[in-house]
Amino acid sequence: MLDIQLTDAGKRYRFDWIFRRLTFRFQAGGRYALLGPNGSGKSTLMQVLSGHLSLSKGRIAFEEDGKKTDIELTYQKISYAAPYIELIEEFTLGETLAFHHRLKPFRPPFTPETVYELLDLPRSRHKELRFFSSGMKQRVKLALAICSDTPVVLLDEPTTNLDVRAVAWFKNLVRDHAGDRLLIIASNDPGDLDLCDLELNLTDYKS
C-alpha cells in the first residue's frame, strides 16, 4: 500500500505557474478524481506523481506502510496510462504483452495470455501496434496499467478515443481489477469520474 504526500508543491514553466501551494495526501486504497478545465495542470500533476516531471517548488514523498520509499524506485510501484504515452509500434500485441510482463509483471493471476483474452481484440495477437486504431491502442494502454502488479494506478483521460462499447469495457476493468490500490483519474468526462469517490480540483491551486 502506497501513499503520496504533496507539500507546498508547485510546478511552473518559465514564469507561469501551472499549480502552486498544493498540499494534499493521496491515501492508499483511495479513488481520486483530478478536476479542472483544460490547461489547469491535471496532466502536469499526473506526470509529477508518476516521476516523469520534478516539482519547481515543494516536496513529494512516497510512503509504503508508513515508511518513506526511495523516489528513484517508485517507477516499479506505479502504472500509468495516458493518450500521450507511446507504445512500441513495431511490436506485435503478443510481443507487447510479453515485454511489459518482464519489465512490470502483471497482478496474479494475470499472464500475457489472460490479458490478451481480456483485451477482447480477436485476431490481433500477431498484428503490429502501428496498424492498430487509436481506440485499440488506448485499450492496450489501459489494460497494461490496470493489470500490472502495482499499488498505484494513474489514468489520464482514460476514455480518449474509446467508443461506447470500449468505455463500458474500461469501467468494468476498473471495477473488477483496480482492487484496493490507489487510483487517480484525471479527466473532464463526468462518466470517468463516476469511478472515483474523492476529488482534487486544481483550479484551487492556481497563482
Protein backbone atom coordinates (compact mmCIF):
# COMPACT_ATOMS: atom_id res chain seq x y z
CA MET A 1 0.00 0.00 0.00
CA LEU A 2 1.43 3.36 -1.05
CA ASP A 3 0.51 6.93 -0.04
CA ILE A 4 1.65 10.00 -1.96
CA GLN A 5 2.14 13.24 0.00
CA LEU A 6 2.50 16.61 -1.68
CA THR A 7 3.67 19.52 0.48
CA ASP A 8 3.56 23.13 -0.76
CA ALA A 9 4.00 21.71 -4.26
CA GLY A 10 4.28 23.90 -7.32
CA LYS A 11 5.19 23.49 -10.98
CA ARG A 12 5.91 26.27 -13.41
CA TYR A 13 7.07 26.68 -16.98
CA ARG A 14 9.15 29.78 -17.45
CA PHE A 15 7.24 32.43 -15.45
CA ASP A 16 3.84 30.77 -15.47
CA TRP A 17 2.74 28.66 -12.52
CA ILE A 18 0.69 25.62 -13.58
CA PHE A 19 -0.21 24.99 -9.95
CA ARG A 20 1.27 26.10 -6.63
CA ARG A 21 0.83 25.87 -2.85
CA LEU A 22 -0.58 22.37 -3.24
CA THR A 23 -0.58 20.30 -0.06
CA PHE A 24 -2.51 17.08 -0.40
CA ARG A 25 -2.28 13.42 0.56
CA PHE A 26 -3.36 10.65 -1.78
CA GLN A 27 -4.05 7.73 0.52
CA ALA A 28 -3.64 4.07 -0.35
CA GLY A 29 -6.89 2.49 -1.47
CA GLY A 30 -8.50 5.82 -2.37
CA ARG A 31 -10.05 6.57 -5.74
CA TYR A 32 -9.35 10.18 -6.63
CA ALA A 33 -10.60 12.40 -9.46
CA LEU A 34 -8.35 15.24 -10.64
CA LEU A 35 -10.67 18.05 -11.74
CA GLY A 36 -10.17 21.23 -13.70
CA PRO A 37 -10.61 22.62 -17.23
CA ASN A 38 -8.08 22.06 -19.98
CA GLY A 39 -4.85 23.81 -19.07
CA SER A 40 -5.47 23.61 -15.33
CA GLY A 41 -2.49 21.29 -14.78
CA LYS A 42 -4.10 17.85 -14.49
CA SER A 43 -1.68 16.13 -16.87
CA THR A 44 1.26 18.03 -15.41
CA LEU A 45 0.39 16.84 -11.91
CA MET A 46 -0.03 13.27 -13.17
CA GLN A 47 3.47 13.42 -14.64
CA VAL A 48 4.80 14.71 -11.32
CA LEU A 49 3.07 11.88 -9.44
CA SER A 50 4.50 9.32 -11.86
CA GLY A 51 8.04 10.67 -11.55
CA HIS A 52 8.24 11.90 -15.15
CA LEU A 53 8.46 15.55 -14.01
CA SER A 54 10.04 17.17 -10.98
CA LEU A 55 8.46 19.93 -8.93
CA SER A 56 9.59 23.52 -9.25
CA LYS A 57 8.82 24.06 -5.57
CA GLY A 58 7.82 21.97 -2.57
CA ARG A 59 8.11 18.24 -1.92
CA ILE A 60 6.64 14.93 -2.96
CA ALA A 61 7.02 11.87 -0.75
CA PHE A 62 6.03 8.24 -1.31
CA GLU A 63 5.24 6.24 1.81
CA GLU A 64 4.73 2.49 1.85
CA ASP A 65 3.23 1.08 5.03
CA GLY A 66 4.24 4.25 6.87
CA LYS A 67 7.85 4.26 5.64
CA LYS A 68 9.25 6.59 3.02
CA THR A 69 10.19 4.93 -0.26
CA ASP A 70 13.18 5.95 -2.37
CA ILE A 71 11.75 8.20 -5.07
CA GLU A 72 14.15 6.64 -7.59
CA LEU A 73 12.42 3.28 -7.14
CA THR A 74 8.84 4.44 -7.34
CA TYR A 75 8.56 3.63 -11.05
CA GLN A 76 8.28 -0.02 -10.00
CA LYS A 77 5.20 0.79 -7.93
CA ILE A 78 3.26 3.00 -10.35
CA SER A 79 1.40 2.16 -13.57
CA TYR A 80 0.43 5.00 -15.83
CA ALA A 81 -1.77 5.26 -18.91
CA ALA A 82 -2.31 8.41 -20.97
CA PRO A 83 -3.05 9.19 -24.63
CA TYR A 84 0.34 10.91 -24.98
CA ILE A 85 2.33 7.88 -23.77
CA GLU A 86 3.65 6.00 -26.79
CA LEU A 87 3.72 2.26 -27.30
CA ILE A 88 6.46 0.46 -29.25
CA GLU A 89 4.67 0.42 -32.59
CA GLU A 90 6.94 -2.18 -34.21
CA PHE A 91 5.94 -4.78 -31.59
CA THR A 92 3.01 -7.06 -32.16
CA LEU A 93 0.37 -7.19 -29.46
CA GLY A 94 1.73 -10.52 -28.24
CA GLU A 95 5.27 -9.10 -28.07
CA THR A 96 4.00 -6.01 -26.24
CA LEU A 97 2.30 -8.06 -23.53
CA ALA A 98 5.31 -10.34 -23.04
CA PHE A 99 7.76 -7.41 -22.97
CA HIS A 100 5.68 -5.45 -20.47
CA HIS A 101 5.26 -8.51 -18.24
CA ARG A 102 9.04 -8.90 -18.00
CA LEU A 103 9.52 -5.24 -17.01
CA LYS A 104 6.46 -4.80 -14.78
CA PRO A 105 4.77 -8.13 -14.01
CA PHE A 106 1.01 -8.48 -14.13
CA ARG A 107 -1.06 -8.95 -10.98
CA PRO A 108 -1.77 -12.59 -10.17
CA PRO A 109 -3.43 -14.49 -11.72
CA PHE A 110 -2.92 -12.42 -14.91
CA THR A 111 -0.47 -13.61 -17.56
CA PRO A 112 0.23 -12.22 -21.04
CA GLU A 113 -2.24 -14.80 -22.35
CA THR A 114 -5.07 -13.86 -19.99
CA VAL A 115 -4.52 -10.14 -20.57
CA TYR A 116 -4.74 -10.81 -24.32
CA GLU A 117 -8.09 -12.51 -23.75
CA LEU A 118 -9.23 -9.65 -21.50
CA LEU A 119 -8.48 -7.10 -24.22
CA ASP A 120 -11.11 -8.68 -26.46
CA LEU A 121 -9.19 -7.82 -29.63
CA PRO A 122 -9.57 -11.03 -31.65
CA ARG A 123 -7.08 -11.86 -34.42
CA SER A 124 -4.74 -9.11 -33.19
CA ARG A 125 -2.08 -11.15 -31.37
CA HIS A 126 0.38 -11.11 -34.29
CA LYS A 127 -0.53 -7.65 -35.57
CA GLU A 128 1.97 -4.80 -35.13
CA LEU A 129 0.66 -1.95 -32.99
CA ARG A 130 1.31 0.57 -35.76
CA PHE A 131 -1.65 -0.97 -37.56
CA PHE A 132 -3.98 -0.58 -34.56
CA SER A 133 -6.62 2.14 -34.43
CA SER A 134 -6.28 4.85 -31.78
CA GLY A 135 -9.04 3.19 -29.78
CA MET A 136 -7.33 -0.22 -29.87
CA LYS A 137 -4.05 1.35 -28.70
CA GLN A 138 -5.86 3.05 -25.84
CA ARG A 139 -7.35 -0.29 -24.74
CA VAL A 140 -3.85 -1.79 -24.68
CA LYS A 141 -2.51 1.09 -22.58
CA LEU A 142 -5.35 0.79 -20.07
CA ALA A 143 -5.01 -2.98 -19.76
CA LEU A 144 -1.25 -2.74 -19.23
CA ALA A 145 -1.70 -0.14 -16.48
CA ILE A 146 -4.61 -1.72 -14.62
CA CYS A 147 -3.38 -5.31 -14.86
CA SER A 148 0.16 -4.50 -13.68
CA ASP A 149 1.09 -5.52 -10.15
CA THR A 150 1.49 -2.02 -8.72
CA PRO A 151 -0.05 -0.30 -5.68
CA VAL A 152 -0.72 2.91 -7.66
CA VAL A 153 -2.61 3.33 -10.95
CA LEU A 154 -2.64 6.69 -12.77
CA LEU A 155 -5.08 7.15 -15.65
CA ASP A 156 -5.04 10.42 -17.60
CA GLU A 157 -8.10 10.96 -19.85
CA PRO A 158 -8.69 7.19 -19.94
CA THR A 159 -11.67 7.15 -22.33
CA THR A 160 -9.98 9.23 -25.04
CA ASN A 161 -10.54 7.54 -28.42
CA LEU A 162 -12.84 4.87 -26.95
CA ASP A 163 -16.25 4.12 -28.40
CA VAL A 164 -19.30 3.39 -26.22
CA ARG A 165 -18.59 -0.33 -26.06
CA ALA A 166 -14.94 0.24 -25.15
CA VAL A 167 -15.90 2.73 -22.42
CA ALA A 168 -18.08 0.06 -20.82
CA TRP A 169 -15.17 -2.39 -21.12
CA PHE A 170 -12.87 0.12 -19.37
CA LYS A 171 -15.26 0.74 -16.49
CA ASN A 172 -15.68 -2.98 -15.90
CA LEU A 173 -11.91 -3.35 -15.97
CA VAL A 174 -11.53 -0.77 -13.21
CA ARG A 175 -14.37 -2.16 -11.09
CA ASP A 176 -13.13 -5.74 -11.39
CA HIS A 177 -9.37 -5.27 -11.18
CA ALA A 178 -8.39 -1.93 -9.58
CA GLY A 179 -8.83 -3.63 -6.21
CA ASP A 180 -7.76 -1.73 -3.11
CA ARG A 181 -4.99 0.18 -4.87
CA LEU A 182 -4.58 3.94 -5.05
CA LEU A 183 -6.35 5.03 -8.24
CA ILE A 184 -6.09 8.57 -9.65
CA ILE A 185 -8.08 9.58 -12.73
CA ALA A 186 -7.62 12.92 -14.49
CA SER A 187 -10.49 13.74 -16.82
CA ASN A 188 -13.13 16.25 -17.87
CA ASP A 189 -15.58 13.46 -18.68
CA PRO A 190 -18.14 13.07 -15.85
CA GLY A 191 -18.53 9.41 -16.82
CA ASP A 192 -14.87 8.72 -15.98
CA LEU A 193 -15.22 10.40 -12.61
CA ASP A 194 -18.11 8.15 -11.59
CA LEU A 195 -15.40 5.63 -10.72
CA CYS A 196 -13.98 7.95 -8.03
CA ASP A 197 -15.25 8.93 -4.59
CA LEU A 198 -12.69 11.63 -3.70
CA GLU A 199 -11.55 14.67 -5.65
CA LEU A 200 -8.86 17.32 -6.02
CA ASN A 201 -9.73 20.43 -8.03
CA LEU A 202 -6.62 22.07 -9.47
CA THR A 203 -8.37 25.38 -10.05
CA ASP A 204 -7.96 25.88 -6.28
CA TYR A 205 -4.18 25.91 -6.70
CA LYS A 206 -3.59 28.48 -9.40
CA SER A 207 -1.40 31.52 -8.77
